[in-house]
N, C-alpha and C. Protein backbone atom coordinates (compact mmCIF):
# COMPACT_ATOMS: atom_id res chain seq x y z
N MET A 1 28.07 4.15 -36.36
CA MET A 1 28.25 2.80 -35.88
C MET A 1 28.91 2.62 -34.59
N THR A 2 28.37 1.93 -33.61
CA THR A 2 29.05 1.80 -32.32
C THR A 2 29.93 0.67 -32.38
N ASP A 3 31.19 0.93 -31.76
CA ASP A 3 32.16 -0.17 -31.69
C ASP A 3 31.76 -1.05 -30.58
N LYS A 4 31.43 -2.37 -30.86
CA LYS A 4 30.80 -3.31 -29.86
C LYS A 4 32.00 -3.77 -29.04
N LYS A 5 33.28 -3.46 -29.30
CA LYS A 5 34.50 -3.82 -28.54
C LYS A 5 34.50 -3.03 -27.29
N ASN A 6 33.92 -1.83 -27.33
CA ASN A 6 33.97 -0.91 -26.21
C ASN A 6 32.83 -0.76 -25.40
N VAL A 7 31.82 -1.56 -25.47
CA VAL A 7 30.60 -1.54 -24.83
C VAL A 7 30.88 -2.19 -23.55
N ALA A 8 30.64 -1.43 -22.43
CA ALA A 8 30.72 -2.20 -21.02
C ALA A 8 29.58 -3.34 -20.91
N GLN A 9 29.86 -4.27 -20.30
CA GLN A 9 28.99 -5.29 -20.08
C GLN A 9 28.39 -4.95 -18.61
N LEU A 10 27.19 -4.81 -18.23
CA LEU A 10 26.82 -4.71 -16.90
C LEU A 10 26.30 -6.01 -16.24
N PRO A 11 26.60 -6.06 -14.91
CA PRO A 11 26.25 -7.36 -14.49
C PRO A 11 24.78 -7.55 -14.13
N GLY A 12 24.38 -8.65 -14.09
CA GLY A 12 22.86 -8.95 -14.08
C GLY A 12 22.39 -8.81 -12.55
N PRO A 13 21.02 -8.62 -12.40
CA PRO A 13 20.68 -8.32 -11.04
C PRO A 13 20.99 -9.51 -10.15
N THR A 14 21.19 -9.27 -8.81
CA THR A 14 21.49 -10.48 -7.91
C THR A 14 20.00 -11.08 -7.53
N SER A 15 20.19 -12.09 -6.91
CA SER A 15 18.91 -12.73 -6.42
C SER A 15 18.18 -12.00 -5.52
N VAL A 16 18.88 -11.25 -4.75
CA VAL A 16 18.12 -10.34 -3.67
C VAL A 16 17.36 -9.17 -4.48
N GLU A 17 18.01 -8.64 -5.53
CA GLU A 17 17.46 -7.57 -6.26
C GLU A 17 16.18 -8.09 -7.05
N VAL A 18 16.15 -9.35 -7.51
CA VAL A 18 15.17 -9.87 -8.27
C VAL A 18 13.83 -10.21 -7.39
N GLU A 19 14.21 -10.75 -6.23
CA GLU A 19 13.12 -10.89 -5.20
C GLU A 19 12.59 -9.63 -4.87
N PHE A 20 13.36 -8.68 -4.64
CA PHE A 20 12.72 -7.43 -4.04
C PHE A 20 11.85 -6.97 -5.26
N ALA A 21 12.31 -6.91 -6.53
CA ALA A 21 11.48 -6.44 -7.59
C ALA A 21 10.19 -7.22 -7.67
N GLN A 22 10.03 -8.48 -7.50
CA GLN A 22 8.89 -9.30 -7.57
C GLN A 22 7.94 -8.97 -6.47
N GLN A 23 8.56 -8.76 -5.18
CA GLN A 23 7.72 -8.29 -4.15
C GLN A 23 6.95 -6.94 -4.50
N LEU A 24 7.79 -6.02 -4.87
CA LEU A 24 7.26 -4.70 -5.12
C LEU A 24 6.16 -4.67 -6.19
N VAL A 25 6.35 -5.66 -7.33
CA VAL A 25 5.41 -5.65 -8.26
C VAL A 25 4.12 -6.37 -7.69
N GLU A 26 4.14 -7.43 -6.83
CA GLU A 26 3.11 -8.07 -6.09
C GLU A 26 2.32 -7.13 -5.28
N ARG A 27 3.06 -6.40 -4.53
CA ARG A 27 2.46 -5.48 -3.71
C ARG A 27 1.74 -4.24 -4.26
N ALA A 28 2.25 -3.76 -5.42
CA ALA A 28 1.61 -2.79 -6.14
C ALA A 28 0.29 -3.30 -6.79
N LYS A 29 0.35 -4.55 -7.24
CA LYS A 29 -0.84 -5.19 -7.89
C LYS A 29 -1.90 -5.35 -6.76
N ALA A 30 -1.50 -5.74 -5.67
CA ALA A 30 -2.35 -5.93 -4.45
C ALA A 30 -3.03 -4.70 -4.05
N ASP A 31 -2.28 -3.60 -4.04
CA ASP A 31 -2.74 -2.44 -3.80
C ASP A 31 -3.43 -1.60 -4.74
N GLY A 32 -3.59 -1.99 -5.87
CA GLY A 32 -4.07 -1.39 -7.01
C GLY A 32 -3.45 -0.23 -7.61
N VAL A 33 -2.12 -0.16 -7.35
CA VAL A 33 -1.40 1.24 -7.91
C VAL A 33 -0.41 0.80 -8.95
N SER A 34 0.08 1.85 -9.49
CA SER A 34 0.98 1.62 -10.66
C SER A 34 2.39 1.82 -10.11
N LEU A 35 3.45 1.15 -10.74
CA LEU A 35 4.83 1.46 -10.38
C LEU A 35 5.30 2.59 -11.29
N VAL A 36 4.80 2.65 -12.50
CA VAL A 36 5.44 3.54 -13.45
C VAL A 36 4.40 4.69 -13.92
N GLY A 37 4.77 5.57 -14.66
CA GLY A 37 3.97 6.50 -15.23
C GLY A 37 3.57 7.62 -14.33
N PRO A 38 2.72 8.48 -14.77
CA PRO A 38 2.39 9.66 -13.94
C PRO A 38 1.69 9.10 -12.75
N GLY A 39 2.07 9.48 -11.56
CA GLY A 39 1.46 9.07 -10.33
C GLY A 39 1.95 7.74 -9.92
N GLY A 40 2.83 7.20 -10.43
CA GLY A 40 3.34 5.78 -10.07
C GLY A 40 4.28 5.85 -8.97
N LEU A 41 4.27 4.89 -8.15
CA LEU A 41 5.15 4.89 -7.04
C LEU A 41 6.71 5.25 -7.31
N LEU A 42 6.98 4.72 -8.49
CA LEU A 42 8.58 4.83 -8.74
C LEU A 42 8.79 6.29 -9.14
N ALA A 43 7.77 6.81 -9.98
CA ALA A 43 7.96 8.23 -10.31
C ALA A 43 7.92 9.10 -9.31
N THR A 44 6.99 8.86 -8.25
CA THR A 44 6.95 9.71 -6.99
C THR A 44 8.07 9.62 -6.26
N ALA A 45 8.67 8.28 -6.06
CA ALA A 45 10.08 8.11 -5.42
C ALA A 45 11.11 8.95 -5.90
N ALA A 46 11.26 8.88 -7.33
CA ALA A 46 12.22 9.60 -7.92
C ALA A 46 12.28 11.03 -7.74
N ALA A 47 10.94 11.61 -7.55
CA ALA A 47 10.89 13.07 -7.29
C ALA A 47 11.23 13.38 -5.88
N VAL A 48 11.43 12.53 -4.92
CA VAL A 48 11.90 12.99 -3.64
C VAL A 48 13.28 13.38 -3.55
């Protein structure tokens, strides 16, 4: 059982991060590409 008193709370995303993520999703949809999964843009970026 996890002791909830010792769990670190992470800050939420900033408005700039949210806007960037929304733009990334919109561009991926417009270009007909996937962000995740095999061959996804984020998978490819992580491999660099």
